[in-house]
Amino acid sequence: MQIALSAAEVERLLHAGLPGASHLKVVALEPGAVTVRMPVNDLMVRPGGTLSGPSMFAAADAAMYAVILGHLGAELLAVTTDTNIHFLRRPAMQDIEARARILKLGRRLIICAVDIHTVDDPEPVAVATGTYSVPPRPVIPGP
């Protein structure tokens, strides 16, 4: 798999395409994978003093979008068609990283998997999968 953009370019597009993701940082981009860091704050806590599920879901979805941008380029119209997340254990209120991998890069559908973990712990607190739909490219008539 070939990368089309740099990590900085992906981060810029991620922030432009998802205004709610302006706090996310693309920390690594490599063929087939990206790592996105989400700083955790008090607005993300749920009863019991743990990180909320919607926060982890947002990190997973943003990481999948980022890995797609990194491999397709500025394809801002790619949209989530399906996502599934499994919460494995209670995370601490620490920054998290979501590492997304492309499982299948098709012409119309892209399937990804994501491991979510706190920055200081390699064991995942959640795992997610998702499918994105890529709009068809316009056909330019030939001579």
N, C-alpha and C. Protein backbone atom coordinates (compact mmCIF):
# COMPACT_ATOMS: atom_id res chain seq x y z
N MET A 1 0.84 -1.18 0.00
CA MET A 1 0.00 0.00 0.00
C MET A 1 0.88 1.24 0.00
N GLN A 2 0.52 2.19 -0.82
CA GLN A 2 1.33 3.40 -0.94
C GLN A 2 0.64 4.58 -0.26
N ILE A 3 1.43 5.36 0.46
CA ILE A 3 0.92 6.55 1.14
C ILE A 3 0.85 7.70 0.14
N ALA A 4 -0.27 8.43 0.18
CA ALA A 4 -0.47 9.55 -0.74
C ALA A 4 -0.16 10.90 -0.11
N LEU A 5 -0.22 10.99 1.23
CA LEU A 5 -0.02 12.25 1.94
C LEU A 5 0.92 12.04 3.13
N SER A 6 1.44 13.13 3.65
CA SER A 6 2.25 13.06 4.87
C SER A 6 1.34 13.08 6.09
N ALA A 7 1.88 12.75 7.24
CA ALA A 7 1.11 12.80 8.48
C ALA A 7 0.59 14.21 8.74
N ALA A 8 1.40 15.22 8.47
CA ALA A 8 0.97 16.62 8.69
C ALA A 8 -0.17 16.99 7.75
N GLU A 9 -0.11 16.53 6.50
CA GLU A 9 -1.20 16.81 5.55
C GLU A 9 -2.49 16.11 5.97
N VAL A 10 -2.38 14.88 6.44
CA VAL A 10 -3.55 14.15 6.91
C VAL A 10 -4.15 14.86 8.11
N GLU A 11 -3.31 15.29 9.04
CA GLU A 11 -3.82 16.00 10.22
C GLU A 11 -4.55 17.29 9.81
N ARG A 12 -4.00 18.03 8.88
CA ARG A 12 -4.64 19.26 8.42
C ARG A 12 -6.01 18.96 7.78
N LEU A 13 -6.08 17.92 6.94
CA LEU A 13 -7.35 17.55 6.33
C LEU A 13 -8.35 17.02 7.36
N LEU A 14 -7.86 16.27 8.33
CA LEU A 14 -8.70 15.76 9.40
C LEU A 14 -9.34 16.90 10.17
N HIS A 15 -8.55 17.91 10.51
CA HIS A 15 -9.06 19.06 11.25
C HIS A 15 -10.04 19.87 10.40
N ALA A 16 -9.76 19.99 9.10
CA ALA A 16 -10.65 20.75 8.21
C ALA A 16 -11.95 20.01 7.95
N GLY A 17 -11.88 18.68 7.80
CA GLY A 17 -13.06 17.90 7.49
C GLY A 17 -13.91 17.53 8.68
N LEU A 18 -13.31 17.48 9.85
CA LEU A 18 -14.01 17.15 11.09
C LEU A 18 -13.70 18.22 12.13
N PRO A 19 -14.43 19.33 12.13
CA PRO A 19 -14.11 20.43 13.07
C PRO A 19 -14.03 19.98 14.54
N GLY A 20 -14.78 18.96 14.91
CA GLY A 20 -14.72 18.46 16.28
C GLY A 20 -13.46 17.67 16.58
N ALA A 21 -12.61 17.47 15.57
CA ALA A 21 -11.39 16.68 15.75
C ALA A 21 -10.15 17.55 15.82
N SER A 22 -10.32 18.84 16.06
CA SER A 22 -9.17 19.75 16.03
C SER A 22 -8.16 19.48 17.13
N HIS A 23 -8.53 18.70 18.14
CA HIS A 23 -7.61 18.38 19.23
C HIS A 23 -6.81 17.10 18.96
N LEU A 24 -7.10 16.40 17.86
CA LEU A 24 -6.42 15.15 17.55
C LEU A 24 -5.08 15.40 16.87
N LYS A 25 -4.14 14.50 17.09
CA LYS A 25 -2.81 14.60 16.51
C LYS A 25 -2.50 13.30 15.77
N VAL A 26 -2.08 13.41 14.52
CA VAL A 26 -1.63 12.24 13.77
C VAL A 26 -0.16 12.04 14.13
N VAL A 27 0.12 11.00 14.90
CA VAL A 27 1.49 10.79 15.40
C VAL A 27 2.31 9.87 14.53
N ALA A 28 1.66 9.06 13.69
CA ALA A 28 2.40 8.16 12.79
C ALA A 28 1.53 7.79 11.61
N LEU A 29 2.16 7.75 10.45
CA LEU A 29 1.49 7.30 9.22
C LEU A 29 2.49 6.42 8.48
N GLU A 30 2.06 5.22 8.17
CA GLU A 30 2.92 4.28 7.45
C GLU A 30 2.03 3.50 6.48
N PRO A 31 2.62 2.75 5.58
CA PRO A 31 1.78 2.01 4.63
C PRO A 31 0.76 1.12 5.35
N GLY A 32 -0.50 1.39 5.09
CA GLY A 32 -1.59 0.60 5.65
C GLY A 32 -2.03 0.95 7.05
N ALA A 33 -1.41 1.93 7.70
CA ALA A 33 -1.75 2.20 9.10
C ALA A 33 -1.51 3.66 9.48
N VAL A 34 -2.23 4.09 10.52
CA VAL A 34 -2.04 5.41 11.10
C VAL A 34 -2.27 5.31 12.60
N THR A 35 -1.60 6.17 13.36
CA THR A 35 -1.86 6.29 14.80
C THR A 35 -2.27 7.72 15.08
N VAL A 36 -3.42 7.86 15.75
CA VAL A 36 -3.97 9.17 16.10
C VAL A 36 -4.04 9.25 17.62
N ARG A 37 -3.55 10.36 18.17
CA ARG A 37 -3.60 10.58 19.62
C ARG A 37 -4.72 11.55 19.97
N MET A 38 -5.49 11.20 21.01
CA MET A 38 -6.56 12.06 21.50
C MET A 38 -6.25 12.45 22.94
N PRO A 39 -6.01 13.76 23.17
CA PRO A 39 -5.84 14.18 24.56
C PRO A 39 -7.17 14.07 25.30
N VAL A 40 -7.11 13.54 26.50
CA VAL A 40 -8.31 13.33 27.30
C VAL A 40 -8.49 14.51 28.25
N ASN A 41 -9.74 14.93 28.41
CA ASN A 41 -10.05 16.03 29.34
C ASN A 41 -11.27 15.67 30.17
N ASP A 42 -11.61 16.55 31.11
CA ASP A 42 -12.70 16.29 32.05
C ASP A 42 -14.07 16.18 31.38
N LEU A 43 -14.23 16.70 30.17
CA LEU A 43 -15.51 16.59 29.47
C LEU A 43 -15.76 15.18 28.94
N MET A 44 -14.72 14.34 28.95
CA MET A 44 -14.82 12.98 28.40
C MET A 44 -15.05 11.92 29.48
N VAL A 45 -15.19 12.34 30.73
CA VAL A 45 -15.35 11.39 31.83
C VAL A 45 -16.81 10.95 31.92
N ARG A 46 -17.00 9.71 32.30
CA ARG A 46 -18.34 9.21 32.55
C ARG A 46 -18.43 8.82 34.01
N PRO A 47 -19.63 8.59 34.53
CA PRO A 47 -19.74 8.19 35.93
C PRO A 47 -18.84 7.00 36.23
N GLY A 48 -18.17 7.07 37.35
CA GLY A 48 -17.22 6.04 37.73
C GLY A 48 -15.78 6.46 37.44
N GLY A 49 -15.60 7.66 36.84
CA GLY A 49 -14.27 8.19 36.63
C GLY A 49 -13.49 7.54 35.51
N THR A 50 -14.16 7.11 34.47
CA THR A 50 -13.48 6.47 33.35
C THR A 50 -13.79 7.22 32.06
N LEU A 51 -13.03 6.96 31.05
CA LEU A 51 -13.22 7.58 29.74
C LEU A 51 -14.51 7.08 29.11
N SER A 52 -15.27 8.00 28.54
CA SER A 52 -16.56 7.63 27.96
C SER A 52 -16.42 6.85 26.66
N GLY A 53 -17.38 5.99 26.40
CA GLY A 53 -17.42 5.23 25.16
C GLY A 53 -17.49 6.11 23.93
N PRO A 54 -18.34 7.16 23.93
CA PRO A 54 -18.38 8.03 22.76
C PRO A 54 -17.04 8.68 22.43
N SER A 55 -16.22 8.95 23.43
CA SER A 55 -14.89 9.51 23.18
C SER A 55 -14.01 8.50 22.47
N MET A 56 -14.06 7.25 22.93
CA MET A 56 -13.26 6.21 22.28
C MET A 56 -13.77 5.94 20.86
N PHE A 57 -15.08 5.98 20.69
CA PHE A 57 -15.66 5.79 19.36
C PHE A 57 -15.20 6.91 18.42
N ALA A 58 -15.20 8.13 18.90
CA ALA A 58 -14.75 9.27 18.08
C ALA A 58 -13.30 9.10 17.66
N ALA A 59 -12.45 8.63 18.57
CA ALA A 59 -11.05 8.41 18.24
C ALA A 59 -10.91 7.31 17.17
N ALA A 60 -11.69 6.25 17.30
CA ALA A 60 -11.64 5.16 16.32
C ALA A 60 -12.08 5.63 14.95
N ASP A 61 -13.19 6.34 14.90
CA ASP A 61 -13.72 6.82 13.62
C ASP A 61 -12.76 7.81 12.96
N ALA A 62 -12.19 8.71 13.75
CA ALA A 62 -11.23 9.68 13.21
C ALA A 62 -9.97 8.98 12.69
N ALA A 63 -9.53 7.93 13.40
CA ALA A 63 -8.33 7.20 12.95
C ALA A 63 -8.60 6.49 11.63
N MET A 64 -9.79 5.90 11.48
CA MET A 64 -10.12 5.25 10.21
C MET A 64 -10.15 6.27 9.08
N TYR A 65 -10.76 7.41 9.33
CA TYR A 65 -10.82 8.47 8.33
C TYR A 65 -9.40 8.94 7.98
N ALA A 66 -8.55 9.07 8.98
CA ALA A 66 -7.17 9.52 8.76
C ALA A 66 -6.38 8.53 7.92
N VAL A 67 -6.52 7.24 8.18
CA VAL A 67 -5.76 6.26 7.39
C VAL A 67 -6.25 6.25 5.94
N ILE A 68 -7.53 6.47 5.74
CA ILE A 68 -8.07 6.55 4.39
C ILE A 68 -7.55 7.78 3.67
N LEU A 69 -7.55 8.93 4.34
CA LEU A 69 -7.00 10.14 3.74
C LEU A 69 -5.53 9.94 3.38
N GLY A 70 -4.79 9.30 4.27
CA GLY A 70 -3.37 9.09 4.03
C GLY A 70 -3.08 8.24 2.81
N HIS A 71 -4.01 7.39 2.44
CA HIS A 71 -3.78 6.49 1.31
C HIS A 71 -4.51 6.90 0.03
N LEU A 72 -5.60 7.64 0.15
CA LEU A 72 -6.33 8.08 -1.04
C LEU A 72 -6.03 9.53 -1.42
N GLY A 73 -5.50 10.30 -0.48
CA GLY A 73 -5.33 11.73 -0.71
C GLY A 73 -6.54 12.47 -0.17
N ALA A 74 -6.76 13.65 -0.66
CA ALA A 74 -7.82 14.53 -0.13
C ALA A 74 -9.21 14.07 -0.56
N GLU A 75 -9.58 12.86 -0.17
CA GLU A 75 -10.90 12.30 -0.49
C GLU A 75 -11.83 12.57 0.68
N LEU A 76 -12.25 13.83 0.80
CA LEU A 76 -13.04 14.24 1.96
C LEU A 76 -14.46 13.69 1.94
N LEU A 77 -14.90 13.14 0.82
CA LEU A 77 -16.26 12.64 0.73
C LEU A 77 -16.39 11.17 1.11
N ALA A 78 -15.32 10.53 1.50
CA ALA A 78 -15.42 9.15 2.00
C ALA A 78 -16.26 9.18 3.27
N VAL A 79 -17.24 8.29 3.37
CA VAL A 79 -18.16 8.31 4.51
C VAL A 79 -18.24 6.94 5.16
N THR A 80 -18.48 6.94 6.46
CA THR A 80 -18.65 5.70 7.22
C THR A 80 -19.96 5.04 6.81
N THR A 81 -19.90 3.77 6.47
CA THR A 81 -21.13 3.02 6.18
C THR A 81 -21.46 2.04 7.28
N ASP A 82 -20.45 1.65 8.07
CA ASP A 82 -20.67 0.68 9.14
C ASP A 82 -19.51 0.77 10.12
N THR A 83 -19.83 0.73 11.41
CA THR A 83 -18.79 0.69 12.44
C THR A 83 -19.27 -0.18 13.58
N ASN A 84 -18.32 -0.90 14.16
CA ASN A 84 -18.61 -1.77 15.29
C ASN A 84 -17.47 -1.58 16.29
N ILE A 85 -17.81 -1.42 17.56
CA ILE A 85 -16.78 -1.24 18.58
C ILE A 85 -17.04 -2.19 19.75
N HIS A 86 -15.95 -2.71 20.29
CA HIS A 86 -16.03 -3.58 21.46
C HIS A 86 -15.17 -2.96 22.55
N PHE A 87 -15.78 -2.68 23.70
CA PHE A 87 -15.07 -2.13 24.84
C PHE A 87 -14.56 -3.31 25.67
N LEU A 88 -13.24 -3.40 25.81
CA LEU A 88 -12.62 -4.56 26.42
C LEU A 88 -12.38 -4.43 27.92
N ARG A 89 -12.03 -3.22 28.33
CA ARG A 89 -11.78 -2.99 29.75
C ARG A 89 -11.86 -1.50 30.03
N ARG A 90 -11.95 -1.18 31.29
CA ARG A 90 -12.12 0.21 31.73
C ARG A 90 -10.80 0.97 31.56
N PRO A 91 -10.82 2.04 30.75
CA PRO A 91 -9.58 2.82 30.59
C PRO A 91 -9.43 3.86 31.68
N ALA A 92 -8.19 4.19 31.97
CA ALA A 92 -7.90 5.29 32.89
C ALA A 92 -8.16 6.60 32.16
N MET A 93 -8.25 7.68 32.88
CA MET A 93 -8.42 9.00 32.29
C MET A 93 -7.06 9.52 31.85
N GLN A 94 -6.54 8.91 30.80
CA GLN A 94 -5.26 9.28 30.21
C GLN A 94 -5.47 9.45 28.71
N ASP A 95 -4.55 10.17 28.08
CA ASP A 95 -4.63 10.31 26.63
C ASP A 95 -4.67 8.93 25.99
N ILE A 96 -5.39 8.84 24.88
CA ILE A 96 -5.50 7.56 24.19
C ILE A 96 -4.93 7.67 22.78
N GLU A 97 -4.56 6.52 22.25
CA GLU A 97 -4.14 6.43 20.86
C GLU A 97 -5.01 5.40 20.17
N ALA A 98 -5.38 5.73 18.94
CA ALA A 98 -6.15 4.82 18.10
C ALA A 98 -5.28 4.48 16.90
N ARG A 99 -4.96 3.20 16.75
CA ARG A 99 -4.14 2.75 15.62
C ARG A 99 -5.06 2.04 14.63
N ALA A 100 -5.25 2.67 13.48
CA ALA A 100 -6.13 2.12 12.45
C ALA A 100 -5.29 1.44 11.38
N ARG A 101 -5.77 0.29 10.93
CA ARG A 101 -5.13 -0.46 9.85
C ARG A 101 -6.15 -0.68 8.74
N ILE A 102 -5.71 -0.59 7.51
CA ILE A 102 -6.57 -0.91 6.39
C ILE A 102 -6.52 -2.42 6.18
N LEU A 103 -7.69 -3.05 6.25
CA LEU A 103 -7.77 -4.49 6.00
C LEU A 103 -8.02 -4.77 4.52
N LYS A 104 -8.82 -3.91 3.88
CA LYS A 104 -9.10 -4.05 2.45
C LYS A 104 -9.28 -2.66 1.86
N LEU A 105 -8.54 -2.40 0.80
CA LEU A 105 -8.63 -1.12 0.09
C LEU A 105 -9.20 -1.40 -1.29
N GLY A 106 -10.52 -1.31 -1.39
CA GLY A 106 -11.20 -1.53 -2.66
C GLY A 106 -11.46 -0.22 -3.37
N ARG A 107 -12.05 -0.32 -4.56
CA ARG A 107 -12.36 0.90 -5.32
C ARG A 107 -13.51 1.67 -4.69
N ARG A 108 -14.49 0.96 -4.12
CA ARG A 108 -15.67 1.62 -3.56
C ARG A 108 -15.79 1.49 -2.05
N LEU A 109 -15.21 0.44 -1.48
CA LEU A 109 -15.29 0.21 -0.03
C LEU A 109 -13.90 0.00 0.55
N ILE A 110 -13.70 0.55 1.75
CA ILE A 110 -12.46 0.37 2.48
C ILE A 110 -12.82 -0.16 3.86
N ILE A 111 -12.19 -1.25 4.26
CA ILE A 111 -12.47 -1.86 5.56
C ILE A 111 -11.25 -1.67 6.45
N CYS A 112 -11.50 -1.19 7.67
CA CYS A 112 -10.43 -0.88 8.62
C CYS A 112 -10.67 -1.57 9.96
N ALA A 113 -9.59 -1.74 10.71
CA ALA A 113 -9.64 -2.21 12.10
C ALA A 113 -8.84 -1.23 12.94
N VAL A 114 -9.29 -1.03 14.18
CA VAL A 114 -8.65 -0.05 15.07
C VAL A 114 -8.44 -0.67 16.45
N ASP A 115 -7.25 -0.49 17.01
CA ASP A 115 -6.97 -0.80 18.41
C ASP A 115 -6.87 0.52 19.15
N ILE A 116 -7.56 0.63 20.27
CA ILE A 116 -7.52 1.85 21.09
C ILE A 116 -6.89 1.50 22.43
N HIS A 117 -5.90 2.30 22.82
CA HIS A 117 -5.24 2.04 24.10
C HIS A 117 -4.81 3.36 24.72
N THR A 118 -4.60 3.35 26.03
CA THR A 118 -4.05 4.53 26.67
C THR A 118 -2.58 4.62 26.28
N VAL A 119 -2.05 5.83 26.28
CA VAL A 119 -0.71 6.08 25.76
C VAL A 119 0.35 5.23 26.46
N ASP A 120 0.23 5.01 27.74
CA ASP A 120 1.26 4.27 28.48
C ASP A 120 1.02 2.77 28.56
N ASP A 121 0.00 2.25 27.86
CA ASP A 121 -0.33 0.84 27.98
C ASP A 121 -0.60 0.26 26.59
N PRO A 122 0.19 -0.71 26.14
CA PRO A 122 -0.02 -1.26 24.80
C PRO A 122 -1.25 -2.17 24.69
N GLU A 123 -1.82 -2.59 25.82
CA GLU A 123 -3.00 -3.46 25.78
C GLU A 123 -4.23 -2.63 25.41
N PRO A 124 -5.01 -3.07 24.44
CA PRO A 124 -6.17 -2.27 24.03
C PRO A 124 -7.27 -2.21 25.08
N VAL A 125 -7.92 -1.06 25.12
CA VAL A 125 -9.10 -0.89 25.96
C VAL A 125 -10.36 -1.09 25.13
N ALA A 126 -10.21 -0.97 23.81
CA ALA A 126 -11.33 -1.18 22.88
C ALA A 126 -10.76 -1.52 21.51
N VAL A 127 -11.57 -2.22 20.72
CA VAL A 127 -11.23 -2.50 19.32
C VAL A 127 -12.46 -2.17 18.48
N ALA A 128 -12.20 -1.71 17.27
CA ALA A 128 -13.30 -1.34 16.38
C ALA A 128 -13.00 -1.79 14.97
N THR A 129 -14.04 -1.97 14.21
CA THR A 129 -13.92 -2.20 12.77
C THR A 129 -14.87 -1.23 12.09
N GLY A 130 -14.57 -0.91 10.86
CA GLY A 130 -15.44 -0.01 10.12
C GLY A 130 -15.26 -0.15 8.63
N THR A 131 -16.33 0.20 7.93
CA THR A 131 -16.31 0.22 6.47
C THR A 131 -16.64 1.63 6.02
N TYR A 132 -15.86 2.12 5.08
CA TYR A 132 -16.08 3.43 4.49
C TYR A 132 -16.43 3.26 3.02
N SER A 133 -17.32 4.09 2.54
CA SER A 133 -17.68 4.13 1.13
C SER A 133 -16.96 5.30 0.48
N VAL A 134 -16.37 5.04 -0.67
CA VAL A 134 -15.68 6.08 -1.42
C VAL A 134 -16.53 6.39 -2.65
N PRO A 135 -16.89 7.66 -2.84
CA PRO A 135 -17.72 7.98 -4.01
C PRO A 135 -16.98 7.68 -5.31
N PRO A 136 -17.74 7.31 -6.34
CA PRO A 136 -17.08 7.02 -7.61
C PRO A 136 -16.42 8.26 -8.18
N ARG A 137 -15.31 8.07 -8.80
CA ARG A 137 -14.60 9.19 -9.46
C ARG A 137 -15.35 9.53 -10.73
N PRO A 138 -15.43 10.82 -11.05
CA PRO A 138 -16.12 11.19 -12.29
C PRO A 138 -15.38 10.64 -13.51
N VAL A 139 -16.14 10.21 -14.45
CA VAL A 139 -15.57 9.69 -15.71
C VAL A 139 -15.41 10.86 -16.67
N ILE A 140 -14.20 11.04 -17.15
CA ILE A 140 -13.93 12.12 -18.09
C ILE A 140 -13.98 11.51 -19.49
N PRO A 141 -14.92 11.98 -20.30
CA PRO A 141 -15.02 11.40 -21.65
C PRO A 141 -13.75 11.65 -22.45
N GLY A 142 -13.37 10.63 -23.19
CA GLY A 142 -12.18 10.73 -24.05
C GLY A 142 -12.53 11.27 -25.42
N PRO A 143 -11.52 11.51 -26.21
CA PRO A 143 -11.78 12.04 -27.56
C PRO A 143 -12.45 11.05 -28.47
